[in-house]
Amino acid sequence: MKPFIFKQCTNILKSAQRKAGTIRDLLHGIKEVSDASIFHHTYKYFLKEHILEYTNDFSQWVGDSLEEHTLAEHLSSVDPYDFSLVSSLREELVRVIDDYLAHFPEPRPAMKGNEFSFNESVTIVFPTGIVAHNLAEFLQALKYVDSSSIYYHFYEGRIHDIYGPDDFSLWLKEALNEKELSEKLIRIDPFMYDIEGMRKLMVQIVEQKVQKDMETI
C-alpha cells in the first residue's frame, strides 16, 4: 500500500510591478498581467488566511477598498476550479467586471495607499517528515500538520491532478479503498471554510469513520 506523505509549502512573493487604483485599472491589469499573477490572486487566496467574506484577492479589494460590495460578490462567485485554463478564468473575471460597468455607475477610486498591487508567487514544496500508512495514522497527522500542508493537499491538490479530486480524497480512494469517505471529502465546498475550519471538518469526518471501524471489530 502506498503511504500518504504529508508535504507543506511556502510562497515566495514577487511583485508584478503593477497597481490599480480604480476598477478600470483593475480590469486592464487582469487583462494584461501574467497567468502566474492571476493564479496567485485566485487559487492561492486560501493560503493567505483571509477572512472568508470573499474568495479571491480581486473581490476582497473591490469590497474593502472600493466599497463596491455588489461587484465584490459577483467576483466572489467565480470559482477558479471551474476552469481548466487560467486564460479562461481571466476571461470570466473580465466578463464580470465589464458586465458590471455596463449596468452600474463606476465605483469611486481607492484612497491613496489602498491601491491593488498585482503580485506573482512561487510555491516551494517540502516534506514534513510525517507519513500515514493507515486511516488512524492519517487522522492523527491531519490534526497536527502545519496549516500549509492542509492548504497544499486540499486546495492545490485539486490542481495537481488536472483539476481532479484533492490529494487526501485520492489517497483514501486509491490506497485504502475508502470510496465513501473519499467522496465525503470531495463534496466539501472549499469556499465555505478557512484552512483551520477545513482541517476541523475533515478531522471530524475521518474520526467518525475510525470510530465506526473500531466499533465493528
N, C-alpha and C. Protein backbone atom coordinates (compact mmCIF):
# COMPACT_ATOMS: atom_id res chain seq x y z
N MET A 1 0.84 -1.20 0.00
CA MET A 1 0.00 0.00 0.00
C MET A 1 0.87 1.25 0.00
N LYS A 2 0.51 2.18 -0.82
CA LYS A 2 1.26 3.43 -0.91
C LYS A 2 0.90 4.32 0.28
N PRO A 3 1.90 4.72 1.10
CA PRO A 3 1.60 5.60 2.24
C PRO A 3 1.31 7.02 1.78
N PHE A 4 0.67 7.80 2.64
CA PHE A 4 0.44 9.20 2.33
C PHE A 4 1.58 10.01 2.92
N ILE A 5 2.31 10.70 2.08
CA ILE A 5 3.45 11.52 2.52
C ILE A 5 2.98 12.97 2.61
N PHE A 6 2.90 13.48 3.82
CA PHE A 6 2.44 14.86 4.02
C PHE A 6 3.55 15.83 3.61
N LYS A 7 3.16 16.82 2.82
CA LYS A 7 4.06 17.89 2.42
C LYS A 7 3.47 19.22 2.86
N GLN A 8 4.31 20.21 2.97
CA GLN A 8 3.82 21.55 3.24
C GLN A 8 4.49 22.51 2.27
N CYS A 9 4.05 23.76 2.28
CA CYS A 9 4.56 24.68 1.28
C CYS A 9 4.68 26.09 1.84
N THR A 10 5.43 26.87 1.14
CA THR A 10 5.52 28.30 1.44
C THR A 10 5.58 29.05 0.13
N ASN A 11 5.13 30.27 0.13
CA ASN A 11 5.10 31.09 -1.08
C ASN A 11 6.21 32.13 -1.06
N ILE A 12 6.91 32.27 -2.16
CA ILE A 12 7.86 33.36 -2.34
C ILE A 12 7.18 34.39 -3.23
N LEU A 13 6.95 35.57 -2.67
CA LEU A 13 6.18 36.60 -3.36
C LEU A 13 7.06 37.46 -4.26
N LYS A 14 6.52 37.80 -5.42
CA LYS A 14 7.23 38.64 -6.38
C LYS A 14 6.25 39.67 -6.93
N SER A 15 6.65 40.93 -6.91
CA SER A 15 5.78 41.98 -7.43
C SER A 15 5.68 41.90 -8.94
N ALA A 16 4.48 42.12 -9.46
CA ALA A 16 4.28 42.17 -10.91
C ALA A 16 4.49 43.59 -11.44
N GLN A 17 4.92 44.50 -10.55
CA GLN A 17 5.23 45.88 -10.94
C GLN A 17 4.01 46.59 -11.56
N ARG A 18 2.85 46.35 -10.94
CA ARG A 18 1.65 47.00 -11.45
C ARG A 18 0.67 47.21 -10.31
N LYS A 19 -0.01 48.36 -10.31
CA LYS A 19 -1.01 48.66 -9.30
C LYS A 19 -2.29 49.15 -9.97
N ALA A 20 -3.38 49.08 -9.20
CA ALA A 20 -4.67 49.56 -9.69
C ALA A 20 -5.30 50.43 -8.61
N GLY A 21 -5.77 51.60 -9.03
CA GLY A 21 -6.44 52.49 -8.08
C GLY A 21 -7.91 52.61 -8.34
N THR A 22 -8.35 52.19 -9.53
CA THR A 22 -9.76 52.24 -9.90
C THR A 22 -10.19 50.88 -10.45
N ILE A 23 -11.49 50.74 -10.64
CA ILE A 23 -11.99 49.47 -11.16
C ILE A 23 -11.51 49.26 -12.60
N ARG A 24 -11.36 50.35 -13.36
CA ARG A 24 -10.87 50.20 -14.73
C ARG A 24 -9.38 49.84 -14.74
N ASP A 25 -8.64 50.38 -13.79
CA ASP A 25 -7.23 49.97 -13.65
C ASP A 25 -7.15 48.47 -13.37
N LEU A 26 -8.04 48.00 -12.49
CA LEU A 26 -8.06 46.57 -12.14
C LEU A 26 -8.41 45.74 -13.37
N LEU A 27 -9.40 46.21 -14.12
CA LEU A 27 -9.83 45.50 -15.32
C LEU A 27 -8.69 45.37 -16.33
N HIS A 28 -7.99 46.48 -16.58
CA HIS A 28 -6.88 46.44 -17.54
C HIS A 28 -5.75 45.55 -17.01
N GLY A 29 -5.53 45.60 -15.71
CA GLY A 29 -4.49 44.76 -15.13
C GLY A 29 -4.80 43.28 -15.29
N ILE A 30 -6.05 42.90 -15.01
CA ILE A 30 -6.45 41.49 -15.16
C ILE A 30 -6.28 41.04 -16.60
N LYS A 31 -6.54 41.94 -17.53
CA LYS A 31 -6.38 41.59 -18.95
C LYS A 31 -4.92 41.37 -19.33
N GLU A 32 -4.00 42.09 -18.66
CA GLU A 32 -2.64 42.16 -19.17
C GLU A 32 -1.57 41.47 -18.33
N VAL A 33 -1.81 41.23 -17.04
CA VAL A 33 -0.77 40.60 -16.23
C VAL A 33 -0.60 39.14 -16.62
N SER A 34 0.43 38.53 -16.11
CA SER A 34 0.76 37.14 -16.46
C SER A 34 -0.26 36.16 -15.86
N ASP A 35 -0.29 34.96 -16.41
CA ASP A 35 -1.12 33.90 -15.85
C ASP A 35 -0.73 33.62 -14.40
N ALA A 36 0.57 33.74 -14.12
CA ALA A 36 1.05 33.48 -12.76
C ALA A 36 0.44 34.45 -11.76
N SER A 37 0.22 35.69 -12.19
CA SER A 37 -0.40 36.68 -11.30
C SER A 37 -1.87 36.37 -11.07
N ILE A 38 -2.59 36.02 -12.13
CA ILE A 38 -3.99 35.63 -11.98
C ILE A 38 -4.10 34.43 -11.05
N PHE A 39 -3.23 33.46 -11.24
CA PHE A 39 -3.23 32.25 -10.41
C PHE A 39 -2.99 32.62 -8.94
N HIS A 40 -2.04 33.50 -8.71
CA HIS A 40 -1.71 33.90 -7.33
C HIS A 40 -2.90 34.54 -6.64
N HIS A 41 -3.61 35.39 -7.34
CA HIS A 41 -4.69 36.16 -6.71
C HIS A 41 -6.01 35.38 -6.62
N THR A 42 -6.06 34.20 -7.19
CA THR A 42 -7.29 33.40 -7.13
C THR A 42 -7.05 32.07 -6.42
N TYR A 43 -6.33 31.16 -7.03
CA TYR A 43 -6.12 29.83 -6.45
C TYR A 43 -5.39 29.89 -5.11
N LYS A 44 -4.45 30.81 -4.97
CA LYS A 44 -3.64 30.86 -3.75
C LYS A 44 -4.23 31.75 -2.68
N TYR A 45 -5.45 32.19 -2.87
CA TYR A 45 -6.11 33.08 -1.91
C TYR A 45 -6.21 32.45 -0.53
N PHE A 46 -6.48 31.15 -0.48
CA PHE A 46 -6.74 30.49 0.79
C PHE A 46 -5.49 30.31 1.63
N LEU A 47 -4.33 30.32 1.02
CA LEU A 47 -3.08 30.21 1.77
C LEU A 47 -2.80 31.46 2.58
N LYS A 48 -3.46 32.56 2.23
CA LYS A 48 -3.19 33.85 2.87
C LYS A 48 -4.02 34.06 4.14
N GLU A 49 -4.89 33.09 4.44
CA GLU A 49 -5.67 33.09 5.70
C GLU A 49 -6.52 34.35 5.85
N HIS A 50 -7.17 34.75 4.77
CA HIS A 50 -8.11 35.87 4.85
C HIS A 50 -9.40 35.41 5.54
N ILE A 51 -10.14 36.39 6.06
CA ILE A 51 -11.50 36.10 6.49
C ILE A 51 -12.32 35.81 5.24
N LEU A 52 -13.13 34.75 5.30
CA LEU A 52 -13.78 34.28 4.08
C LEU A 52 -15.06 35.03 3.72
N GLU A 53 -14.97 36.36 3.72
CA GLU A 53 -16.10 37.13 3.19
C GLU A 53 -16.06 37.10 1.67
N TYR A 54 -14.83 36.98 1.13
CA TYR A 54 -14.64 36.93 -0.31
C TYR A 54 -13.80 35.69 -0.66
N THR A 55 -13.63 35.43 -1.96
CA THR A 55 -12.97 34.19 -2.35
C THR A 55 -11.76 34.40 -3.25
N ASN A 56 -11.39 35.65 -3.50
CA ASN A 56 -10.16 35.92 -4.24
C ASN A 56 -9.70 37.34 -3.91
N ASP A 57 -8.45 37.66 -4.24
CA ASP A 57 -7.90 38.97 -3.89
C ASP A 57 -8.61 40.11 -4.61
N PHE A 58 -9.07 39.86 -5.82
CA PHE A 58 -9.76 40.91 -6.58
C PHE A 58 -11.05 41.32 -5.89
N SER A 59 -11.86 40.33 -5.53
CA SER A 59 -13.13 40.64 -4.87
C SER A 59 -12.90 41.27 -3.50
N GLN A 60 -11.85 40.83 -2.81
CA GLN A 60 -11.57 41.41 -1.50
C GLN A 60 -11.23 42.90 -1.62
N TRP A 61 -10.40 43.23 -2.60
CA TRP A 61 -10.01 44.64 -2.79
C TRP A 61 -11.20 45.48 -3.22
N VAL A 62 -12.01 44.98 -4.12
CA VAL A 62 -13.20 45.71 -4.58
C VAL A 62 -14.15 45.97 -3.42
N GLY A 63 -14.32 44.97 -2.56
CA GLY A 63 -15.22 45.13 -1.42
C GLY A 63 -14.66 46.02 -0.33
N ASP A 64 -13.37 45.84 -0.02
CA ASP A 64 -12.76 46.58 1.10
C ASP A 64 -12.31 47.99 0.72
N SER A 65 -11.63 48.12 -0.41
CA SER A 65 -11.03 49.40 -0.77
C SER A 65 -11.93 50.28 -1.62
N LEU A 66 -12.75 49.68 -2.47
CA LEU A 66 -13.70 50.46 -3.28
C LEU A 66 -15.08 50.51 -2.66
N GLU A 67 -15.32 49.63 -1.68
CA GLU A 67 -16.61 49.53 -1.00
C GLU A 67 -17.74 49.27 -1.99
N GLU A 68 -17.44 48.50 -3.01
CA GLU A 68 -18.44 48.13 -4.01
C GLU A 68 -18.79 46.65 -3.80
N HIS A 69 -19.70 46.41 -2.88
CA HIS A 69 -19.94 45.05 -2.41
C HIS A 69 -20.70 44.19 -3.42
N THR A 70 -21.51 44.81 -4.26
CA THR A 70 -22.22 44.03 -5.27
C THR A 70 -21.24 43.41 -6.26
N LEU A 71 -20.31 44.21 -6.76
CA LEU A 71 -19.30 43.69 -7.68
C LEU A 71 -18.41 42.69 -6.97
N ALA A 72 -18.08 42.95 -5.71
CA ALA A 72 -17.24 42.02 -4.95
C ALA A 72 -17.91 40.65 -4.85
N GLU A 73 -19.21 40.65 -4.64
CA GLU A 73 -19.95 39.39 -4.57
C GLU A 73 -19.96 38.67 -5.91
N HIS A 74 -20.10 39.44 -6.99
CA HIS A 74 -20.08 38.84 -8.33
C HIS A 74 -18.72 38.21 -8.63
N LEU A 75 -17.64 38.89 -8.25
CA LEU A 75 -16.30 38.34 -8.46
C LEU A 75 -16.06 37.13 -7.56
N SER A 76 -16.65 37.15 -6.38
CA SER A 76 -16.51 36.03 -5.46
C SER A 76 -17.22 34.78 -5.98
N SER A 77 -18.20 34.98 -6.82
CA SER A 77 -18.96 33.83 -7.34
C SER A 77 -18.20 33.08 -8.43
N VAL A 78 -17.09 33.64 -8.88
CA VAL A 78 -16.28 32.97 -9.90
C VAL A 78 -15.43 31.90 -9.21
N ASP A 79 -15.69 30.65 -9.54
CA ASP A 79 -14.98 29.51 -8.95
C ASP A 79 -13.81 29.14 -9.85
N PRO A 80 -12.55 29.34 -9.42
CA PRO A 80 -11.42 29.03 -10.29
C PRO A 80 -11.34 27.56 -10.68
N TYR A 81 -11.91 26.69 -9.82
CA TYR A 81 -11.86 25.26 -10.11
C TYR A 81 -12.83 24.85 -11.22
N ASP A 82 -13.61 25.80 -11.69
CA ASP A 82 -14.49 25.53 -12.84
C ASP A 82 -13.74 25.66 -14.17
N PHE A 83 -12.50 26.14 -14.11
CA PHE A 83 -11.76 26.43 -15.34
C PHE A 83 -10.48 25.59 -15.40
N SER A 84 -10.26 24.95 -16.53
CA SER A 84 -9.06 24.14 -16.70
C SER A 84 -7.87 24.96 -17.19
N LEU A 85 -8.13 26.20 -17.61
CA LEU A 85 -7.07 27.08 -18.08
C LEU A 85 -7.17 28.42 -17.36
N VAL A 86 -6.03 28.97 -16.96
CA VAL A 86 -6.02 30.28 -16.32
C VAL A 86 -6.56 31.34 -17.28
N SER A 87 -6.30 31.18 -18.56
CA SER A 87 -6.81 32.14 -19.55
C SER A 87 -8.33 32.20 -19.55
N SER A 88 -8.97 31.05 -19.34
CA SER A 88 -10.44 31.02 -19.28
C SER A 88 -10.94 31.70 -18.01
N LEU A 89 -10.23 31.50 -16.91
CA LEU A 89 -10.58 32.17 -15.65
C LEU A 89 -10.43 33.68 -15.83
N ARG A 90 -9.36 34.11 -16.46
CA ARG A 90 -9.13 35.53 -16.72
C ARG A 90 -10.29 36.13 -17.53
N GLU A 91 -10.71 35.42 -18.55
CA GLU A 91 -11.81 35.90 -19.39
C GLU A 91 -13.10 36.06 -18.59
N GLU A 92 -13.34 35.16 -17.66
CA GLU A 92 -14.56 35.25 -16.86
C GLU A 92 -14.49 36.43 -15.90
N LEU A 93 -13.34 36.67 -15.30
CA LEU A 93 -13.18 37.83 -14.42
C LEU A 93 -13.41 39.13 -15.20
N VAL A 94 -12.86 39.19 -16.40
CA VAL A 94 -13.04 40.37 -17.26
C VAL A 94 -14.51 40.54 -17.61
N ARG A 95 -15.17 39.44 -17.94
CA ARG A 95 -16.59 39.49 -18.30
C ARG A 95 -17.43 40.03 -17.15
N VAL A 96 -17.14 39.58 -15.94
CA VAL A 96 -17.91 40.02 -14.76
C VAL A 96 -17.76 41.53 -14.55
N ILE A 97 -16.54 42.03 -14.67
CA ILE A 97 -16.32 43.47 -14.46
C ILE A 97 -16.93 44.28 -15.60
N ASP A 98 -16.74 43.81 -16.82
CA ASP A 98 -17.34 44.51 -17.98
C ASP A 98 -18.86 44.59 -17.84
N ASP A 99 -19.47 43.49 -17.45
CA ASP A 99 -20.92 43.46 -17.30
C ASP A 99 -21.38 44.41 -16.20
N TYR A 100 -20.63 44.47 -15.13
CA TYR A 100 -20.97 45.38 -14.04
C TYR A 100 -20.90 46.83 -14.50
N LEU A 101 -19.82 47.19 -15.20
CA LEU A 101 -19.64 48.57 -15.64
C LEU A 101 -20.70 48.98 -16.67
N ALA A 102 -21.27 47.99 -17.36
CA ALA A 102 -22.31 48.29 -18.34
C ALA A 102 -23.65 48.58 -17.69
N HIS A 103 -23.81 48.22 -16.42
CA HIS A 103 -25.11 48.36 -15.77
C HIS A 103 -25.11 49.25 -14.52
N PHE A 104 -23.92 49.54 -13.98
CA PHE A 104 -23.85 50.30 -12.73
C PHE A 104 -22.86 51.46 -12.87
N PRO A 105 -23.01 52.50 -12.05
CA PRO A 105 -22.03 53.60 -12.05
C PRO A 105 -20.66 53.08 -11.63
N GLU A 106 -19.63 53.70 -12.16
CA GLU A 106 -18.27 53.27 -11.82
C GLU A 106 -17.95 53.60 -10.37
N PRO A 107 -17.42 52.64 -9.60
CA PRO A 107 -17.11 52.91 -8.19
C PRO A 107 -16.06 54.00 -8.05
N ARG A 108 -16.04 54.62 -6.90
CA ARG A 108 -15.03 55.65 -6.63
C ARG A 108 -13.64 55.02 -6.61
N PRO A 109 -12.59 55.82 -6.82
CA PRO A 109 -11.22 55.27 -6.74
C PRO A 109 -10.87 54.88 -5.30
N ALA A 110 -9.89 54.04 -5.17
CA ALA A 110 -9.40 53.68 -3.84
C ALA A 110 -8.66 54.87 -3.24
N MET A 111 -8.68 54.97 -1.93
CA MET A 111 -7.93 56.02 -1.26
C MET A 111 -6.43 55.77 -1.44
N LYS A 112 -5.67 56.82 -1.41
CA LYS A 112 -4.22 56.70 -1.59
C LYS A 112 -3.64 55.74 -0.55
N GLY A 113 -2.84 54.82 -1.01
CA GLY A 113 -2.26 53.82 -0.12
C GLY A 113 -3.03 52.52 -0.12
N ASN A 114 -4.25 52.53 -0.68
CA ASN A 114 -5.08 51.31 -0.73
C ASN A 114 -5.19 50.74 -2.14
N GLU A 115 -4.26 51.09 -3.01
CA GLU A 115 -4.29 50.56 -4.37
C GLU A 115 -4.07 49.04 -4.36
N PHE A 116 -4.57 48.40 -5.41
CA PHE A 116 -4.36 46.96 -5.55
C PHE A 116 -2.99 46.71 -6.16
N SER A 117 -2.20 45.87 -5.53
CA SER A 117 -0.87 45.51 -6.04
C SER A 117 -0.92 44.12 -6.67
N PHE A 118 -0.65 44.06 -7.94
CA PHE A 118 -0.58 42.77 -8.62
C PHE A 118 0.73 42.08 -8.25
N ASN A 119 0.62 40.83 -7.87
CA ASN A 119 1.79 40.05 -7.49
C ASN A 119 1.79 38.70 -8.19
N GLU A 120 2.92 38.04 -8.12
CA GLU A 120 3.05 36.64 -8.52
C GLU A 120 3.68 35.91 -7.35
N SER A 121 3.68 34.60 -7.38
CA SER A 121 4.36 33.85 -6.32
C SER A 121 4.82 32.50 -6.84
N VAL A 122 5.86 32.02 -6.21
CA VAL A 122 6.37 30.68 -6.49
C VAL A 122 6.16 29.84 -5.25
N THR A 123 5.56 28.68 -5.41
CA THR A 123 5.31 27.78 -4.28
C THR A 123 6.48 26.82 -4.11
N ILE A 124 7.07 26.86 -2.93
CA ILE A 124 8.15 25.93 -2.59
C ILE A 124 7.55 24.82 -1.73
N VAL A 125 7.67 23.58 -2.18
CA VAL A 125 7.06 22.43 -1.50
C VAL A 125 8.17 21.57 -0.89
N PHE A 126 7.95 21.12 0.35
CA PHE A 126 8.94 20.27 1.00
C PHE A 126 8.23 19.29 1.94
N PRO A 127 8.84 18.13 2.18
CA PRO A 127 8.20 17.13 3.04
C PRO A 127 8.17 17.54 4.50
N THR A 128 7.16 17.08 5.21
CA THR A 128 7.06 17.37 6.65
C THR A 128 7.75 16.30 7.48
N GLY A 129 8.02 15.16 6.88
CA GLY A 129 8.56 14.03 7.64
C GLY A 129 7.47 13.17 8.25
N ILE A 130 6.21 13.52 7.99
CA ILE A 130 5.08 12.78 8.54
C ILE A 130 4.48 11.90 7.45
N VAL A 131 4.32 10.62 7.76
CA VAL A 131 3.81 9.65 6.80
C VAL A 131 2.68 8.86 7.45
N ALA A 132 1.61 8.62 6.70
CA ALA A 132 0.48 7.82 7.20
C ALA A 132 0.37 6.54 6.40
N HIS A 133 0.28 5.41 7.11
CA HIS A 133 0.16 4.10 6.45
C HIS A 133 -1.26 3.54 6.54
N ASN A 134 -2.08 4.11 7.40
CA ASN A 134 -3.44 3.65 7.56
C ASN A 134 -4.32 4.82 7.99
N LEU A 135 -5.60 4.57 8.16
CA LEU A 135 -6.55 5.65 8.45
C LEU A 135 -6.30 6.30 9.81
N ALA A 136 -5.93 5.50 10.79
CA ALA A 136 -5.68 6.04 12.13
C ALA A 136 -4.48 6.99 12.12
N GLU A 137 -3.42 6.58 11.44
CA GLU A 137 -2.25 7.45 11.34
C GLU A 137 -2.56 8.70 10.53
N PHE A 138 -3.37 8.56 9.51
CA PHE A 138 -3.79 9.70 8.69
C PHE A 138 -4.56 10.70 9.55
N LEU A 139 -5.44 10.21 10.39
CA LEU A 139 -6.24 11.07 11.27
C LEU A 139 -5.35 11.85 12.22
N GLN A 140 -4.39 11.18 12.84
CA GLN A 140 -3.50 11.86 13.79
C GLN A 140 -2.67 12.93 13.09
N ALA A 141 -2.18 12.61 11.91
CA ALA A 141 -1.39 13.58 11.16
C ALA A 141 -2.23 14.79 10.77
N LEU A 142 -3.45 14.53 10.35
CA LEU A 142 -4.36 15.58 9.93
C LEU A 142 -4.59 16.60 11.05
N LYS A 143 -4.57 16.14 12.28
CA LYS A 143 -4.81 17.00 13.44
C LYS A 143 -3.66 17.97 13.69
N TYR A 144 -2.43 17.56 13.36
CA TYR A 144 -1.28 18.31 13.84
C TYR A 144 -0.35 18.86 12.77
N VAL A 145 -0.52 18.49 11.50
CA VAL A 145 0.38 19.04 10.48
C VAL A 145 0.19 20.55 10.35
N ASP A 146 1.19 21.21 9.80
CA ASP A 146 1.12 22.64 9.59
C ASP A 146 -0.06 22.99 8.67
N SER A 147 -0.64 24.16 8.89
CA SER A 147 -1.80 24.56 8.09
C SER A 147 -1.48 24.64 6.59
N SER A 148 -0.21 24.93 6.26
CA SER A 148 0.16 24.99 4.84
C SER A 148 0.09 23.61 4.20
N SER A 149 0.18 22.56 5.01
CA SER A 149 0.05 21.20 4.50
C SER A 149 -1.41 20.93 4.12
N ILE A 150 -2.33 21.39 4.95
CA ILE A 150 -3.75 21.26 4.64
C ILE A 150 -4.05 22.01 3.34
N TYR A 151 -3.53 23.24 3.24
CA TYR A 151 -3.74 24.03 2.02
C TYR A 151 -3.19 23.29 0.80
N TYR A 152 -1.95 22.82 0.89
CA TYR A 152 -1.29 22.22 -0.27
C TYR A 152 -2.03 20.99 -0.77
N HIS A 153 -2.41 20.11 0.15
CA HIS A 153 -3.02 18.85 -0.27
C HIS A 153 -4.50 18.99 -0.63
N PHE A 154 -5.19 19.94 -0.01
CA PHE A 154 -6.62 20.07 -0.31
C PHE A 154 -6.88 21.04 -1.45
N TYR A 155 -6.32 22.25 -1.36
CA TYR A 155 -6.61 23.26 -2.38
C TYR A 155 -5.75 23.08 -3.63
N GLU A 156 -4.43 23.11 -3.45
CA GLU A 156 -3.59 22.93 -4.63
C GLU A 156 -3.65 21.49 -5.13
N GLY A 157 -4.03 20.58 -4.26
CA GLY A 157 -4.18 19.19 -4.68
C GLY A 157 -5.21 19.02 -5.77
N ARG A 158 -6.17 19.91 -5.81
CA ARG A 158 -7.20 19.84 -6.85
C ARG A 158 -6.66 20.27 -8.21
N ILE A 159 -5.48 20.86 -8.20
CA ILE A 159 -4.85 21.28 -9.44
C ILE A 159 -3.80 20.27 -9.88
N HIS A 160 -3.21 19.55 -8.91
CA HIS A 160 -2.15 18.58 -9.23
C HIS A 160 -2.63 17.56 -10.25
N ASP A 161 -3.86 17.12 -10.09
CA ASP A 161 -4.39 16.03 -10.93
C ASP A 161 -5.28 16.58 -12.04
N ILE A 162 -4.84 17.70 -12.61
CA ILE A 162 -5.59 18.36 -13.69
C ILE A 162 -7.03 18.62 -13.25
N TYR A 163 -7.16 19.34 -12.16
CA TYR A 163 -8.46 19.75 -11.64
C TYR A 163 -9.33 18.54 -11.28
N GLY A 164 -8.68 17.57 -10.65
CA GLY A 164 -9.39 16.41 -10.16
C GLY A 164 -9.63 16.55 -8.67
N PRO A 165 -9.79 15.42 -7.97
CA PRO A 165 -10.01 15.48 -6.52
C PRO A 165 -8.74 15.90 -5.79
N ASP A 166 -8.88 16.30 -4.55
CA ASP A 166 -7.73 16.70 -3.75
C ASP A 166 -6.87 15.48 -3.40
N ASP A 167 -5.66 15.73 -2.93
CA ASP A 167 -4.71 14.66 -2.62
C ASP A 167 -5.25 13.70 -1.55
N PHE A 168 -5.92 14.25 -0.53
CA PHE A 168 -6.45 13.41 0.54
C PHE A 168 -7.48 12.42 0.01
N SER A 169 -8.45 12.94 -0.73
CA SER A 169 -9.52 12.09 -1.26
C SER A 169 -8.98 11.03 -2.20
N LEU A 170 -8.01 11.42 -3.01
CA LEU A 170 -7.43 10.48 -3.97
C LEU A 170 -6.73 9.33 -3.27
N TRP A 171 -5.98 9.64 -2.22
CA TRP A 171 -5.26 8.59 -1.47
C TRP A 171 -6.24 7.68 -0.74
N LEU A 172 -7.23 8.23 -0.12
CA LEU A 172 -8.22 7.42 0.59
C LEU A 172 -8.89 6.42 -0.34
N LYS A 173 -9.17 6.88 -1.55
CA LYS A 173 -9.84 6.02 -2.52
C LYS A 173 -8.89 4.97 -3.10
N GLU A 174 -7.71 5.41 -3.52
CA GLU A 174 -6.82 4.51 -4.25
C GLU A 174 -5.97 3.62 -3.35
N ALA A 175 -5.52 4.15 -2.22
CA ALA A 175 -4.64 3.37 -1.34
C ALA A 175 -5.40 2.57 -0.30
N LEU A 176 -6.48 3.13 0.24
CA LEU A 176 -7.22 2.46 1.31
C LEU A 176 -8.56 1.89 0.85
N ASN A 177 -8.94 2.17 -0.37
CA ASN A 177 -10.24 1.74 -0.90
C ASN A 177 -11.40 2.29 -0.08
N GLU A 178 -11.21 3.46 0.49
CA GLU A 178 -12.24 4.13 1.29
C GLU A 178 -13.03 5.07 0.37
N LYS A 179 -13.82 4.49 -0.51
CA LYS A 179 -14.51 5.27 -1.52
C LYS A 179 -15.56 6.21 -0.93
N GLU A 180 -16.32 5.72 0.03
CA GLU A 180 -17.37 6.56 0.63
C GLU A 180 -16.75 7.73 1.39
N LEU A 181 -15.69 7.47 2.13
CA LEU A 181 -15.00 8.52 2.87
C LEU A 181 -14.38 9.53 1.92
N SER A 182 -13.81 9.02 0.85
CA SER A 182 -13.21 9.89 -0.16
C SER A 182 -14.27 10.82 -0.75
N GLU A 183 -15.43 10.31 -1.06
CA GLU A 183 -16.50 11.13 -1.64
C GLU A 183 -16.96 12.21 -0.68
N LYS A 184 -16.95 11.92 0.61
CA LYS A 184 -17.36 12.92 1.59
C LYS A 184 -16.40 14.12 1.58
N LEU A 185 -15.11 13.85 1.43
CA LEU A 185 -14.14 14.95 1.38
C LEU A 185 -14.25 15.71 0.06
N ILE A 186 -14.48 14.99 -1.02
CA ILE A 186 -14.62 15.63 -2.32
C ILE A 186 -15.80 16.60 -2.33
N ARG A 187 -16.86 16.25 -1.61
CA ARG A 187 -18.08 17.07 -1.62
C ARG A 187 -17.96 18.34 -0.78
N ILE A 188 -16.88 18.48 -0.02
CA ILE A 188 -16.72 19.70 0.79
C ILE A 188 -16.52 20.90 -0.12
N ASP A 189 -17.28 21.95 0.14
CA ASP A 189 -17.15 23.18 -0.63
C ASP A 189 -15.92 23.94 -0.12
N PRO A 190 -14.89 24.11 -0.94
CA PRO A 190 -13.65 24.77 -0.48
C PRO A 190 -13.83 26.23 -0.13
N PHE A 191 -14.94 26.84 -0.56
CA PHE A 191 -15.14 28.26 -0.30
C PHE A 191 -15.92 28.52 1.00
N MET A 192 -16.30 27.47 1.69
CA MET A 192 -17.10 27.64 2.90
C MET A 192 -16.26 27.73 4.17
N TYR A 193 -14.96 27.43 4.08
CA TYR A 193 -14.13 27.33 5.28
C TYR A 193 -12.77 27.96 5.05
N ASP A 194 -12.18 28.47 6.14
CA ASP A 194 -10.77 28.81 6.06
C ASP A 194 -9.98 27.52 6.30
N ILE A 195 -8.66 27.59 6.30
CA ILE A 195 -7.86 26.37 6.37
C ILE A 195 -8.11 25.60 7.66
N GLU A 196 -8.15 26.31 8.78
CA GLU A 196 -8.36 25.61 10.06
C GLU A 196 -9.78 25.07 10.16
N GLY A 197 -10.73 25.77 9.57
CA GLY A 197 -12.09 25.24 9.53
C GLY A 197 -12.16 23.99 8.68
N MET A 198 -11.38 23.99 7.58
CA MET A 198 -11.32 22.81 6.72
C MET A 198 -10.69 21.64 7.46
N ARG A 199 -9.61 21.91 8.20
CA ARG A 199 -8.96 20.85 8.99
C ARG A 199 -9.95 20.25 10.00
N LYS A 200 -10.65 21.12 10.72
CA LYS A 200 -11.59 20.67 11.74
C LYS A 200 -12.67 19.77 11.15
N LEU A 201 -13.20 20.17 9.99
CA LEU A 201 -14.26 19.39 9.35
C LEU A 201 -13.74 18.04 8.87
N MET A 202 -12.57 18.03 8.25
CA MET A 202 -12.01 16.77 7.76
C MET A 202 -11.68 15.83 8.91
N VAL A 203 -11.14 16.37 9.99
CA VAL A 203 -10.86 15.55 11.18
C VAL A 203 -12.15 14.92 11.69
N GLN A 204 -13.20 15.70 11.75
CA GLN A 204 -14.49 15.19 12.22
C GLN A 204 -14.99 14.05 11.33
N ILE A 205 -14.91 14.22 10.03
CA ILE A 205 -15.39 13.21 9.09
C ILE A 205 -14.57 11.92 9.20
N VAL A 206 -13.25 12.06 9.23
CA VAL A 206 -12.37 10.88 9.30
C VAL A 206 -12.49 10.21 10.67
N GLU A 207 -12.62 11.00 11.72
CA GLU A 207 -12.73 10.45 13.08
C GLU A 207 -13.99 9.60 13.22
N GLN A 208 -15.08 10.04 12.63
CA GLN A 208 -16.32 9.26 12.66
C GLN A 208 -16.13 7.90 12.01
N LYS A 209 -15.37 7.87 10.91
CA LYS A 209 -15.12 6.62 10.21
C LYS A 209 -14.23 5.71 11.03
N VAL A 210 -13.20 6.26 11.66
CA VAL A 210 -12.31 5.45 12.50
C VAL A 210 -13.07 4.86 13.68
N GLN A 211 -13.90 5.66 14.32
CA GLN A 211 -14.69 5.17 15.45
C GLN A 211 -15.67 4.08 15.03
N LYS A 212 -16.26 4.25 13.86
CA LYS A 212 -17.19 3.25 13.34
C LYS A 212 -16.47 1.94 13.08
N ASP A 213 -15.26 2.01 12.50
CA ASP A 213 -14.47 0.82 12.24
C ASP A 213 -14.11 0.11 13.52
N MET A 214 -13.79 0.86 14.58
CA MET A 214 -13.42 0.27 15.86
C MET A 214 -14.60 -0.44 16.50
N GLU A 215 -15.77 0.12 16.32
CA GLU A 215 -16.97 -0.48 16.91
C GLU A 215 -17.36 -1.81 16.25
N THR A 216 -16.92 -2.00 15.00
CA THR A 216 -17.28 -3.22 14.30
C THR A 216 -16.24 -4.33 14.48
N ILE A 217 -15.14 -4.00 15.16
CA ILE A 217 -14.10 -5.03 15.39
C ILE A 217 -14.57 -6.01 16.47
